[in-house]
PDB file of N, CA and C in Angstrom:
ATOM      1  N   UNK A   1      23.179 -24.306   5.923  1.00  0.00           N
ATOM      2  CA  UNK A   1      21.864 -24.441   6.245  1.00  0.00           C
ATOM      3  C   UNK A   1      21.504 -25.523   5.491  1.00  0.00           C
ATOM      4  N   UNK A   2      20.680 -26.136   6.561  1.00  0.00           N
ATOM      5  CA  UNK A   2      19.599 -27.240   6.118  1.00  0.00           C
ATOM      6  C   UNK A   2      18.953 -27.177   5.047  1.00  0.00           C
ATOM      7  N   UNK A   3      18.485 -28.185   4.031  1.00  0.00           N
ATOM      8  CA  UNK A   3      18.047 -28.222   2.825  1.00  0.00           C
ATOM      9  C   UNK A   3      16.242 -28.589   3.384  1.00  0.00           C
ATOM     10  N   UNK A   4      15.721 -27.799   2.748  1.00  0.00           N
ATOM     11  CA  UNK A   4      14.151 -28.144   2.894  1.00  0.00           C
ATOM     12  C   UNK A   4      13.909 -29.387   1.760  1.00  0.00           C
ATOM     13  N   UNK A   5      13.317 -30.463   2.693  1.00  0.00           N
ATOM     14  CA  UNK A   5      13.052 -31.556   1.737  1.00  0.00           C
ATOM     15  C   UNK A   5      11.546 -32.048   2.037  1.00  0.00           C
ATOM     16  N   UNK A   6      10.948 -31.195   3.087  1.00  0.00           N
ATOM     17  CA  UNK A   6       9.369 -31.656   2.762  1.00  0.00           C
ATOM     18  C   UNK A   6       8.465 -30.428   3.048  1.00  0.00           C
ATOM     19  N   UNK A   7       7.518 -30.088   2.025  1.00  0.00           N
ATOM     20  CA  UNK A   7       6.547 -29.007   2.219  1.00  0.00           C
ATOM     21  C   UNK A   7       5.777 -29.120   3.309  1.00  0.00           C
ATOM     22  N   UNK A   8       5.686 -30.309   4.127  1.00  0.00           N
ATOM     23  CA  UNK A   8       4.982 -29.800   5.405  1.00  0.00           C
ATOM     24  C   UNK A   8       5.736 -28.893   6.192  1.00  0.00           C
ATOM     25  N   UNK A   9       6.824 -28.554   6.361  1.00  0.00           N
ATOM     26  CA  UNK A   9       7.603 -27.988   7.313  1.00  0.00           C
ATOM     27  C   UNK A   9       7.723 -26.377   6.942  1.00  0.00           C
ATOM     28  N   UNK A  10       6.838 -25.708   5.653  1.00  0.00           N
ATOM     29  CA  UNK A  10       6.314 -24.812   5.673  1.00  0.00           C
ATOM     30  C   UNK A  10       5.161 -24.400   6.757  1.00  0.00           C
ATOM     31  N   UNK A  11       5.371 -23.813   7.619  1.00  0.00           N
ATOM     32  CA  UNK A  11       4.096 -23.966   8.571  1.00  0.00           C
ATOM     33  C   UNK A  11       3.614 -22.429   8.988  1.00  0.00           C
ATOM     34  N   UNK A  12       4.178 -21.237   8.404  1.00  0.00           N
ATOM     35  CA  UNK A  12       4.094 -20.362   8.786  1.00  0.00           C
ATOM     36  C   UNK A  12       3.404 -19.339   7.979  1.00  0.00           C
ATOM     37  N   UNK A  13       2.516 -18.894   8.034  1.00  0.00           N
ATOM     38  CA  UNK A  13       1.622 -17.770   7.048  1.00  0.00           C
ATOM     39  C   UNK A  13       2.339 -16.587   6.783  1.00  0.00           C
ATOM     40  N   UNK A  14       3.022 -16.114   5.828  1.00  0.00           N
ATOM     41  CA  UNK A  14       3.243 -14.990   5.403  1.00  0.00           C
ATOM     42  C   UNK A  14       2.852 -13.820   4.084  1.00  0.00           C
ATOM     43  N   UNK A  15       3.068 -12.819   4.345  1.00  0.00           N
ATOM     44  CA  UNK A  15       2.038 -11.853   3.307  1.00  0.00           C
ATOM     45  C   UNK A  15       2.920 -10.921   2.647  1.00  0.00           C
ATOM     46  N   UNK A  16       2.670 -11.031   1.354  1.00  0.00           N
ATOM     47  CA  UNK A  16       3.402 -10.309   0.319  1.00  0.00           C
ATOM     48  C   UNK A  16       3.019  -8.946   0.118  1.00  0.00           C
ATOM     49  N   UNK A  17       3.206  -7.453   0.429  1.00  0.00           N
ATOM     50  CA  UNK A  17       2.848  -6.345   0.150  1.00  0.00           C
ATOM     51  C   UNK A  17       3.660  -5.767  -0.565  1.00  0.00           C
ATOM     52  N   UNK A  18       3.024  -4.603  -1.898  1.00  0.00           N
ATOM     53  CA  UNK A  18       3.411  -3.980  -2.319  1.00  0.00           C
ATOM     54  C   UNK A  18       2.846  -2.563  -2.264  1.00  0.00           C
ATOM     55  N   UNK A  19       3.599  -1.701  -2.409  1.00  0.00           N
ATOM     56  CA  UNK A  19       3.486  -0.550  -2.431  1.00  0.00           C
ATOM     57  C   UNK A  19       2.455   0.600  -3.646  1.00  0.00           C
ATOM     58  N   UNK A  20       1.531   0.718  -3.768  1.00  0.00           N
ATOM     59  CA  UNK A  20       0.856   1.407  -5.159  1.00  0.00           C
ATOM     60  C   UNK A  20       0.686   2.999  -4.419  1.00  0.00           C
ATOM     61  N   UNK A  21       0.874   3.918  -5.497  1.00  0.00           N
ATOM     62  CA  UNK A  21       0.780   5.329  -5.303  1.00  0.00           C
ATOM     63  C   UNK A  21      -0.804   5.088  -6.124  1.00  0.00           C
ATOM     64  N   UNK A  22      -1.370   6.168  -5.420  1.00  0.00           N
ATOM     65  CA  UNK A  22      -2.460   6.855  -6.321  1.00  0.00           C
ATOM     66  C   UNK A  22      -2.791   8.339  -5.757  1.00  0.00           C
ATOM     67  N   UNK A  23      -3.730   8.782  -6.415  1.00  0.00           N
ATOM     68  CA  UNK A  23      -4.371  10.288  -5.981  1.00  0.00           C
ATOM     69  C   UNK A  23      -5.595  10.238  -5.200  1.00  0.00           C
ATOM     70  N   UNK A  24      -5.736  10.997  -4.250  1.00  0.00           N
ATOM     71  CA  UNK A  24      -7.011  11.322  -3.443  1.00  0.00           C
ATOM     72  C   UNK A  24      -7.771  12.596  -3.831  1.00  0.00           C
ATOM     73  N   UNK A  25      -8.624  12.453  -3.379  1.00  0.00           N
ATOM     74  CA  UNK A  25      -9.779  13.420  -3.780  1.00  0.00           C
ATOM     75  C   UNK A  25      -9.235  15.149  -3.888  1.00  0.00           C
ATOM     76  N   UNK A  26      -8.065  14.952  -3.235  1.00  0.00           N
ATOM     77  CA  UNK A  26      -7.765  16.434  -3.541  1.00  0.00           C
ATOM     78  C   UNK A  26      -6.525  16.517  -4.771  1.00  0.00           C
ATOM     79  N   UNK A  27      -6.208  15.425  -5.222  1.00  0.00           N
ATOM     80  CA  UNK A  27      -5.050  15.671  -6.028  1.00  0.00           C
ATOM     81  C   UNK A  27      -3.533  15.185  -5.513  1.00  0.00           C
ATOM     82  N   UNK A  28      -3.482  14.768  -3.942  1.00  0.00           N
ATOM     83  CA  UNK A  28      -2.290  14.650  -3.621  1.00  0.00           C
ATOM     84  C   UNK A  28      -1.857  12.896  -3.727  1.00  0.00           C
ATOM     85  N   UNK A  29      -0.575  12.443  -4.118  1.00  0.00           N
ATOM     86  CA  UNK A  29      -0.021  11.190  -4.106  1.00  0.00           C
ATOM     87  C   UNK A  29      -0.427  10.945  -3.007  1.00  0.00           C
ATOM     88  N   UNK A  30      -0.887   9.323  -3.021  1.00  0.00           N
ATOM     89  CA  UNK A  30      -0.783   8.665  -1.296  1.00  0.00           C
ATOM     90  C   UNK A  30      -0.044   7.231  -2.001  1.00  0.00           C
ATOM     91  N   UNK A  31       0.556   7.195  -0.936  1.00  0.00           N
ATOM     92  CA  UNK A  31       0.707   5.727  -1.424  1.00  0.00           C
ATOM     93  C   UNK A  31       0.048   4.396  -0.203  1.00  0.00           C
ATOM     94  N   UNK A  32       0.280   3.527  -0.468  1.00  0.00           N
ATOM     95  CA  UNK A  32      -0.819   2.357   0.259  1.00  0.00           C
ATOM     96  C   UNK A  32      -0.478   1.172  -0.135  1.00  0.00           C
ATOM     97  N   UNK A  33       0.032   0.314   0.990  1.00  0.00           N
ATOM     98  CA  UNK A  33       0.335  -1.048   0.783  1.00  0.00           C
ATOM     99  C   UNK A  33      -0.601  -1.922   0.519  1.00  0.00           C
ATOM    100  N   UNK A  34      -0.577  -2.739  -0.466  1.00  0.00           N
ATOM    101  CA  UNK A  34      -1.489  -3.209  -0.894  1.00  0.00           C
ATOM    102  C   UNK A  34      -1.432  -5.010  -0.700  1.00  0.00           C
ATOM    103  N   UNK A  35      -1.833  -6.069  -0.184  1.00  0.00           N
ATOM    104  CA  UNK A  35      -1.679  -7.276  -0.339  1.00  0.00           C
ATOM    105  C   UNK A  35      -1.672  -8.161  -1.562  1.00  0.00           C
ATOM    106  N   UNK A  36      -0.794  -8.690  -1.965  1.00  0.00           N
ATOM    107  CA  UNK A  36      -0.368  -9.238  -3.372  1.00  0.00           C
ATOM    108  C   UNK A  36      -1.051 -10.801  -3.279  1.00  0.00           C
ATOM    109  N   UNK A  37      -0.157 -11.163  -2.148  1.00  0.00           N
ATOM    110  CA  UNK A  37      -0.919 -12.717  -1.992  1.00  0.00           C
ATOM    111  C   UNK A  37       0.061 -13.098  -0.481  1.00  0.00           C
ATOM    112  N   UNK A  38      -0.735 -14.123  -0.381  1.00  0.00           N
ATOM    113  CA  UNK A  38      -0.391 -14.824   1.145  1.00  0.00           C
ATOM    114  C   UNK A  38       0.323 -16.142   0.800  1.00  0.00           C
ATOM    115  N   UNK A  39       0.876 -16.888   1.647  1.00  0.00           N
ATOM    116  CA  UNK A  39       1.206 -18.216   1.615  1.00  0.00           C
ATOM    117  C   UNK A  39       1.841 -18.771   2.703  1.00  0.00           C
ATOM    118  N   UNK A  40       2.181 -19.917   2.790  1.00  0.00           N
ATOM    119  CA  UNK A  40       2.934 -20.686   3.491  1.00  0.00           C
ATOM    120  C   UNK A  40       4.223 -20.464   3.472  1.00  0.00           C
ATOM    121  N   UNK A  41       5.250 -20.510   4.568  1.00  0.00           N
ATOM    122  CA  UNK A  41       6.438 -20.604   4.388  1.00  0.00           C
ATOM    123  C   UNK A  41       7.305 -21.528   5.580  1.00  0.00           C
ATOM    124  N   UNK A  42       8.412 -21.431   5.350  1.00  0.00           N
ATOM    125  CA  UNK A  42       9.377 -22.338   6.515  1.00  0.00           C
ATOM    126  C   UNK A  42      10.170 -21.023   6.645  1.00  0.00           C
ATOM    127  N   UNK A  43      10.590 -20.878   7.899  1.00  0.00           N
ATOM    128  CA  UNK A  43      11.404 -19.678   8.255  1.00  0.00           C
ATOM    129  C   UNK A  43      13.173 -20.033   8.675  1.00  0.00           C
ATOM    130  N   UNK A  44      13.663 -19.409   8.415  1.00  0.00           N
ATOM    131  CA  UNK A  44      15.100 -19.682   9.215  1.00  0.00           C
ATOM    132  C   UNK A  44      15.881 -18.252   9.466  1.00  0.00           C
ATOM    133  N   UNK A  45      16.093 -18.468  10.628  1.00  0.00           N
ATOM    134  CA  UNK A  45      17.170 -17.207  11.361  1.00  0.00           C
ATOM    135  C   UNK A  45      18.362 -17.847  11.304  1.00  0.00           C
ATOM    136  N   UNK A  46      19.248 -16.559  11.484  1.00  0.00           N
ATOM    137  CA  UNK A  46      20.539 -17.319  11.408  1.00  0.00           C
ATOM    138  C   UNK A  46      21.142 -17.760  12.604  1.00  0.00           C
ATOM    139  N   UNK A  47      22.213 -18.932  12.290  1.00  0.00           N
ATOM    140  CA  UNK A  47      22.912 -19.491  13.623  1.00  0.00           C
ATOM    141  C   UNK A  47      23.939 -18.819  13.956  1.00  0.00           C
ATOM    142  N   UNK A  48      24.600 -18.978  14.596  1.00  0.00           N
ATOM    143  CA  UNK A  48      25.705 -17.991  15.525  1.00  0.00           C
ATOM    144  C   UNK A  48      26.903 -17.845  14.680  1.00  0.00           C
ATOM    145  N   UNK A  49      27.329 -18.869  13.562  1.00  0.00           N
ATOM    146  CA  UNK A  49      28.498 -18.858  12.795  1.00  0.00           C
ATOM    147  C   UNK A  49      28.031 -18.090  11.728  1.00  0.00           C
ATOM    148  N   UNK A  50      26.844 -18.313  11.181  1.00  0.00           N
ATOM    149  CA  UNK A  50      26.240 -17.201  10.080  1.00  0.00           C
ATOM    150  C   UNK A  50      26.282 -15.947  10.448  1.00  0.00           C
ATOM    151  N   UNK A  51      25.912 -15.612  11.532  1.00  0.00           N
ATOM    152  CA  UNK A  51      25.861 -14.231  12.069  1.00  0.00           C
ATOM    153  C   UNK A  51      27.291 -13.481  12.053  1.00  0.00           C
ATOM    154  N   UNK A  52      27.871 -14.372  12.357  1.00  0.00           N
ATOM    155  CA  UNK A  52      29.494 -14.065  12.704  1.00  0.00           C
ATOM    156  C   UNK A  52      30.139 -13.429  11.296  1.00  0.00           C
ATOM    157  N   UNK A  53      29.979 -14.780  10.442  1.00  0.00           N
ATOM    158  CA  UNK A  53      30.396 -14.288   9.154  1.00  0.00           C
ATOM    159  C   UNK A  53      29.442 -13.085   8.436  1.00  0.00           C
ATOM    160  N   UNK A  54      28.546 -12.740   8.632  1.00  0.00           N
ATOM    161  CA  UNK A  54      27.631 -11.507   8.273  1.00  0.00           C
ATOM    162  C   UNK A  54      27.766 -10.000   8.581  1.00  0.00           C
ATOM    163  N   UNK A  55      28.706 -10.312   9.800  1.00  0.00           N
ATOM    164  CA  UNK A  55      28.583  -8.966  10.503  1.00  0.00           C
ATOM    165  C   UNK A  55      29.580  -8.072   9.363  1.00  0.00           C
ATOM    166  N   UNK A  56      28.917  -6.441   9.142  1.00  0.00           N
ATOM    167  CA  UNK A  56      29.677  -5.719   8.581  1.00  0.00           C
ATOM    168  C   UNK A  56      28.674  -5.848   6.931  1.00  0.00           C
ATOM    169  N   UNK A  57      28.228  -6.527   6.520  1.00  0.00           N
ATOM    170  CA  UNK A  57      27.584  -7.162   5.186  1.00  0.00           C
ATOM    171  C   UNK A  57      26.266  -6.579   5.370  1.00  0.00           C
ATOM    172  N   UNK A  58      25.817  -6.695   3.923  1.00  0.00           N
ATOM    173  CA  UNK A  58      24.354  -6.399   3.697  1.00  0.00           C
ATOM    174  C   UNK A  58      23.417  -7.546   4.195  1.00  0.00           C
ATOM    175  N   UNK A  59      23.908  -8.959   4.532  1.00  0.00           N
ATOM    176  CA  UNK A  59      23.391 -10.066   5.024  1.00  0.00           C
ATOM    177  C   UNK A  59      23.094  -9.807   6.550  1.00  0.00           C
ATOM    178  N   UNK A  60      23.643  -9.131   7.386  1.00  0.00           N
ATOM    179  CA  UNK A  60      24.018  -8.754   8.579  1.00  0.00           C
ATOM    180  C   UNK A  60      22.450  -8.505   9.075  1.00  0.00           C
ATOM    181  N   UNK A  61      21.872  -9.480  10.273  1.00  0.00           N
ATOM    182  CA  UNK A  61      20.685  -9.632  10.869  1.00  0.00           C
ATOM    183  C   UNK A  61      19.458 -10.005   9.752  1.00  0.00           C
ATOM    184  N   UNK A  62      19.637 -10.547   8.855  1.00  0.00           N
ATOM    185  CA  UNK A  62      18.636 -11.545   7.697  1.00  0.00           C
ATOM    186  C   UNK A  62      17.549 -12.438   8.368  1.00  0.00           C
ATOM    187  N   UNK A  63      16.632 -12.592   7.506  1.00  0.00           N
ATOM    188  CA  UNK A  63      16.007 -13.982   7.998  1.00  0.00           C
ATOM    189  C   UNK A  63      15.887 -14.386   6.506  1.00  0.00           C
ATOM    190  N   UNK A  64      15.196 -15.953   6.574  1.00  0.00           N
ATOM    191  CA  UNK A  64      15.205 -16.345   5.052  1.00  0.00           C
ATOM    192  C   UNK A  64      13.630 -16.963   5.496  1.00  0.00           C
ATOM    193  N   UNK A  65      13.031 -16.721   4.098  1.00  0.00           N
ATOM    194  CA  UNK A  65      11.991 -17.274   3.633  1.00  0.00           C
ATOM    195  C   UNK A  65      11.317 -18.377   2.948  1.00  0.00           C
ATOM    196  N   UNK A  66      11.317 -19.509   3.114  1.00  0.00           N
ATOM    197  CA  UNK A  66      11.477 -20.356   1.619  1.00  0.00           C
ATOM    198  C   UNK A  66      10.082 -21.081   1.490  1.00  0.00           C
ATOM    199  N   UNK A  67       9.760 -20.891   0.417  1.00  0.00           N
ATOM    200  CA  UNK A  67       8.191 -20.682  -0.068  1.00  0.00           C
ATOM    201  C   UNK A  67       8.169 -21.216  -1.457  1.00  0.00           C
ATOM    202  N   UNK A  68       7.087 -22.104  -1.673  1.00  0.00           N
ATOM    203  CA  UNK A  68       6.590 -23.026  -2.942  1.00  0.00           C
ATOM    204  C   UNK A  68       7.318 -21.892  -4.406  1.00  0.00           C
ATOM    205  N   UNK A  69       7.891 -22.635  -5.338  1.00  0.00           N
ATOM    206  CA  UNK A  69       8.320 -22.205  -6.207  1.00  0.00           C
ATOM    207  C   UNK A  69       7.039 -21.171  -7.072  1.00  0.00           C
ATOM    208  N   UNK A  70       6.155 -21.980  -7.334  1.00  0.00           N
ATOM    209  CA  UNK A  70       4.670 -21.696  -7.775  1.00  0.00           C
ATOM    210  C   UNK A  70       4.069 -20.677  -6.803  1.00  0.00           C
ATOM    211  N   UNK A  71       3.563 -19.328  -7.341  1.00  0.00           N
ATOM    212  CA  UNK A  71       2.964 -18.663  -6.382  1.00  0.00           C
ATOM    213  C   UNK A  71       2.388 -17.707  -7.294  1.00  0.00           C
ATOM    214  N   UNK A  72       0.978 -17.076  -6.580  1.00  0.00           N
ATOM    215  CA  UNK A  72       0.099 -16.517  -7.556  1.00  0.00           C
ATOM    216  C   UNK A  72       0.768 -15.396  -8.410  1.00  0.00           C
ATOM    217  N   UNK A  73       1.585 -14.689  -7.792  1.00  0.00           N
ATOM    218  CA  UNK A  73       2.271 -13.560  -8.431  1.00  0.00           C
ATOM    219  C   UNK A  73       3.857 -13.744  -8.382  1.00  0.00           C
ATOM    220  N   UNK A  74       4.237 -13.096  -9.307  1.00  0.00           N
ATOM    221  CA  UNK A  74       5.861 -13.166  -9.351  1.00  0.00           C
ATOM    222  C   UNK A  74       6.279 -12.259  -8.149  1.00  0.00           C
ATOM    223  N   UNK A  75       7.538 -12.768  -7.610  1.00  0.00           N
ATOM    224  CA  UNK A  75       8.005 -11.984  -6.222  1.00  0.00           C
ATOM    225  C   UNK A  75       9.005 -10.836  -6.804  1.00  0.00           C
ATOM    226  N   UNK A  76       9.028  -9.856  -6.399  1.00  0.00           N
ATOM    227  CA  UNK A  76      10.141  -8.637  -6.792  1.00  0.00           C
ATOM    228  C   UNK A  76      10.636  -8.158  -5.589  1.00  0.00           C
ATOM    229  N   UNK A  77      11.824  -7.495  -5.750  1.00  0.00           N
ATOM    230  CA  UNK A  77      12.616  -6.782  -4.495  1.00  0.00           C
ATOM    231  C   UNK A  77      11.820  -5.647  -4.069  1.00  0.00           C
ATOM    232  N   UNK A  78      11.123  -4.830  -4.716  1.00  0.00           N
ATOM    233  CA  UNK A  78      10.567  -3.650  -4.315  1.00  0.00           C
ATOM    234  C   UNK A  78       8.918  -4.410  -3.522  1.00  0.00           C
ATOM    235  N   UNK A  79       8.901  -5.534  -3.153  1.00  0.00           N
ATOM    236  CA  UNK A  79       7.642  -5.959  -2.332  1.00  0.00           C
ATOM    237  C   UNK A  79       8.297  -6.170  -1.079  1.00  0.00           C
ATOM    238  N   UNK A  80       7.631  -6.276   0.079  1.00  0.00           N
ATOM    239  CA  UNK A  80       7.513  -6.725   1.301  1.00  0.00           C
ATOM    240  C   UNK A  80       7.070  -7.469   2.063  1.00  0.00           C
ATOM    241  N   UNK A  81       7.442  -8.407   3.103  1.00  0.00           N
ATOM    242  CA  UNK A  81       6.880  -9.286   3.592  1.00  0.00           C
ATOM    243  C   UNK A  81       6.304  -9.144   4.742  1.00  0.00           C
ATOM    244  N   UNK A  82       5.325  -9.167   5.383  1.00  0.00           N
ATOM    245  CA  UNK A  82       4.828  -9.305   6.665  1.00  0.00           C
ATOM    246  C   UNK A  82       4.878 -10.879   7.396  1.00  0.00           C
ATOM    247  N   UNK A  83       5.102 -11.039   8.327  1.00  0.00           N
ATOM    248  CA  UNK A  83       5.060 -12.344   9.341  1.00  0.00           C
ATOM    249  C   UNK A  83       4.847 -11.793  10.913  1.00  0.00           C
ATOM    250  N   UNK A  84       4.061 -12.208  11.250  1.00  0.00           N
ATOM    251  CA  UNK A  84       3.683 -11.923  12.991  1.00  0.00           C
ATOM    252  C   UNK A  84       3.696 -10.716  13.203  1.00  0.00           C
ATOM    253  N   UNK A  85       3.225  -9.733  12.209  1.00  0.00           N
ATOM    254  CA  UNK A  85       3.214  -8.176  12.551  1.00  0.00           C
ATOM    255  C   UNK A  85       4.517  -7.595  12.156  1.00  0.00           C
ATOM    256  N   UNK A  86       5.499  -8.268  11.893  1.00  0.00           N
ATOM    257  CA  UNK A  86       6.727  -7.482  11.499  1.00  0.00           C
ATOM    258  C   UNK A  86       7.138  -7.436  10.188  1.00  0.00           C
ATOM    259  N   UNK A  87       7.456  -6.229   9.643  1.00  0.00           N
ATOM    260  CA  UNK A  87       7.310  -6.260   8.004  1.00  0.00           C
ATOM    261  C   UNK A  87       8.985  -6.287   7.674  1.00  0.00           C
ATOM    262  N   UNK A  88       9.154  -6.848   6.485  1.00  0.00           N
ATOM    263  CA  UNK A  88      10.690  -7.639   6.142  1.00  0.00           C
ATOM    264  C   UNK A  88      10.799  -6.809   4.869  1.00  0.00           C
ATOM    265  N   UNK A  89      12.135  -6.299   4.613  1.00  0.00           N
ATOM    266  CA  UNK A  89      12.349  -5.687   3.255  1.00  0.00           C
ATOM    267  C   UNK A  89      12.746  -6.990   2.379  1.00  0.00           C
ATOM    268  N   UNK A  90      12.889  -7.248   1.066  1.00  0.00           N
ATOM    269  CA  UNK A  90      13.048  -7.962   0.679  1.00  0.00           C
ATOM    270  C   UNK A  90      14.700  -7.718  -0.266  1.00  0.00           C
ATOM    271  N   UNK A  91      15.600  -8.601   0.516  1.00  0.00           N
ATOM    272  CA  UNK A  91      17.029  -8.171  -0.342  1.00  0.00           C
ATOM    273  C   UNK A  91      17.491  -9.369  -1.252  1.00  0.00           C
ATOM    274  N   UNK A  92      17.104 -10.483  -1.321  1.00  0.00           N
ATOM    275  CA  UNK A  92      17.083 -11.302  -2.387  1.00  0.00           C
ATOM    276  C   UNK A  92      16.574 -12.403  -2.889  1.00  0.00           C
ATOM    277  N   UNK A  93      16.308 -12.894  -4.040  1.00  0.00           N
ATOM    278  CA  UNK A  93      15.171 -13.631  -4.219  1.00  0.00           C
ATOM    279  C   UNK A  93      16.235 -14.577  -4.993  1.00  0.00           C
ATOM    280  N   UNK A  94      16.134 -16.093  -4.163  1.00  0.00           N
ATOM    281  CA  UNK A  94      16.883 -16.999  -5.067  1.00  0.00           C
ATOM    282  C   UNK A  94      15.895 -18.450  -5.333  1.00  0.00           C
ATOM    283  N   UNK A  95      15.571 -18.616  -6.648  1.00  0.00           N
ATOM    284  CA  UNK A  95      15.016 -19.478  -7.322  1.00  0.00           C
ATOM    285  C   UNK A  95      15.518 -20.687  -7.803  1.00  0.00           C
ATOM    286  N   UNK A  96      14.765 -21.791  -7.503  1.00  0.00           N
ATOM    287  CA  UNK A  96      15.450 -22.971  -7.578  1.00  0.00           C
ATOM    288  C   UNK A  96      14.761 -23.157  -9.166  1.00  0.00           C
ATOM    289  N   UNK A  97      15.350 -22.941 -10.201  1.00  0.00           N
ATOM    290  CA  UNK A  97      15.381 -23.257 -11.457  1.00  0.00           C
ATOM    291  C   UNK A  97      15.582 -24.433 -12.183  1.00  0.00           C
ATOM    292  N   UNK A  98      16.443 -25.148 -11.555  1.00  0.00           N
ATOM    293  CA  UNK A  98      16.441 -26.728 -11.827  1.00  0.00           C
ATOM    294  C   UNK A  98      15.017 -27.437 -11.422  1.00  0.00           C
ATOM    295  N   UNK A  99      14.694 -27.564 -10.065  1.00  0.00           N
ATOM    296  CA  UNK A  99      13.989 -28.569  -9.779  1.00  0.00           C
ATOM    297  C   UNK A  99      12.677 -27.880  -9.638  1.00  0.00           C
ATOM    298  N   UNK A 100      12.394 -26.358  -9.299  1.00  0.00           N
ATOM    299  CA  UNK A 100      11.329 -25.715  -9.421  1.00  0.00           C
ATOM    300  C   UNK A 100      10.179 -26.310  -8.333  1.00  0.00           C
ATOM    301  N   UNK A 101      11.016 -26.144  -6.982  1.00  0.00           N
ATOM    302  CA  UNK A 101      10.317 -26.679  -5.704  1.00  0.00           C
ATOM    303  C   UNK A 101      10.191 -25.516  -5.165  1.00  0.00           C
ATOM    304  N   UNK A 102      11.298 -24.790  -4.644  1.00  0.00           N
ATOM    305  CA  UNK A 102      11.087 -24.008  -3.582  1.00  0.00           C
ATOM    306  C   UNK A 102      11.917 -22.435  -4.097  1.00  0.00           C
ATOM    307  N   UNK A 103      11.169 -21.408  -3.609  1.00  0.00           N
ATOM    308  CA  UNK A 103      11.944 -20.256  -3.740  1.00  0.00           C
ATOM    309  C   UNK A 103      12.552 -19.875  -2.443  1.00  0.00           C
ATOM    310  N   UNK A 104      13.934 -19.290  -2.196  1.00  0.00           N
ATOM    311  CA  UNK A 104      13.959 -18.795  -1.148  1.00  0.00           C
ATOM    312  C   UNK A 104      14.433 -17.339  -1.385  1.00  0.00           C
ATOM    313  N   UNK A 105      13.860 -16.455  -0.218  1.00  0.00           N
ATOM    314  CA  UNK A 105      13.743 -15.075  -0.240  1.00  0.00           C
ATOM    315  C   UNK A 105      14.600 -14.376   1.290  1.00  0.00           C
ATOM    316  N   UNK A 106      15.565 -13.729   1.223  1.00  0.00           N
ATOM    317  CA  UNK A 106      16.137 -13.681   2.307  1.00  0.00           C
ATOM    318  C   UNK A 106      15.987 -12.251   2.569  1.00  0.00           C
ATOM    319  N   UNK A 107      15.365 -11.957   3.514  1.00  0.00           N
ATOM    320  CA  UNK A 107      14.800 -10.345   3.989  1.00  0.00           C
ATOM    321  C   UNK A 107      15.198  -9.716   5.309  1.00  0.00           C
ATOM    322  N   UNK A 108      15.547  -8.351   5.561  1.00  0.00           N
ATOM    323  CA  UNK A 108      16.032  -7.915   6.513  1.00  0.00           C
ATOM    324  C   UNK A 108      14.505  -6.811   7.201  1.00  0.00           C
ATOM    325  N   UNK A 109      14.345  -6.835   8.518  1.00  0.00           N
ATOM    326  CA  UNK A 109      13.508  -6.220   9.033  1.00  0.00           C
ATOM    327  C   UNK A 109      13.448  -4.731   8.804  1.00  0.00           C
ATOM    328  N   UNK A 110      12.241  -3.944   8.418  1.00  0.00           N
ATOM    329  CA  UNK A 110      12.414  -2.567   8.378  1.00  0.00           C
ATOM    330  C   UNK A 110      11.609  -2.145   9.411  1.00  0.00           C
ATOM    331  N   UNK A 111      12.062  -0.709   9.676  1.00  0.00           N
ATOM    332  CA  UNK A 111      11.443  -0.064  10.635  1.00  0.00           C
ATOM    333  C   UNK A 111      10.252   0.809  10.079  1.00  0.00           C
TER     334      UNK A 111
END
């Protein structure tokens, strides 16, 4: 995959959500998606060669979001990402610990 070299290539807005549990007026536990933060991202889909290599693995049908390293909140695997009305579950988070420029978040669509 080609390396992102320019932050100007991050031209898609994505939102990070986390599920929070709370009790309603009747004492029942309810789950609600809460927006944690939103940011700009570069989105990479798999090329044919990558699709063929990931068949039968956890990385099959994944999409990659590249965002800035420094964010308002830390990213965790229990978050979901929403882009263009589609929800994605986070599979893997790869942080650039050496240069601290970008974080790569590998996701899969959830229904």
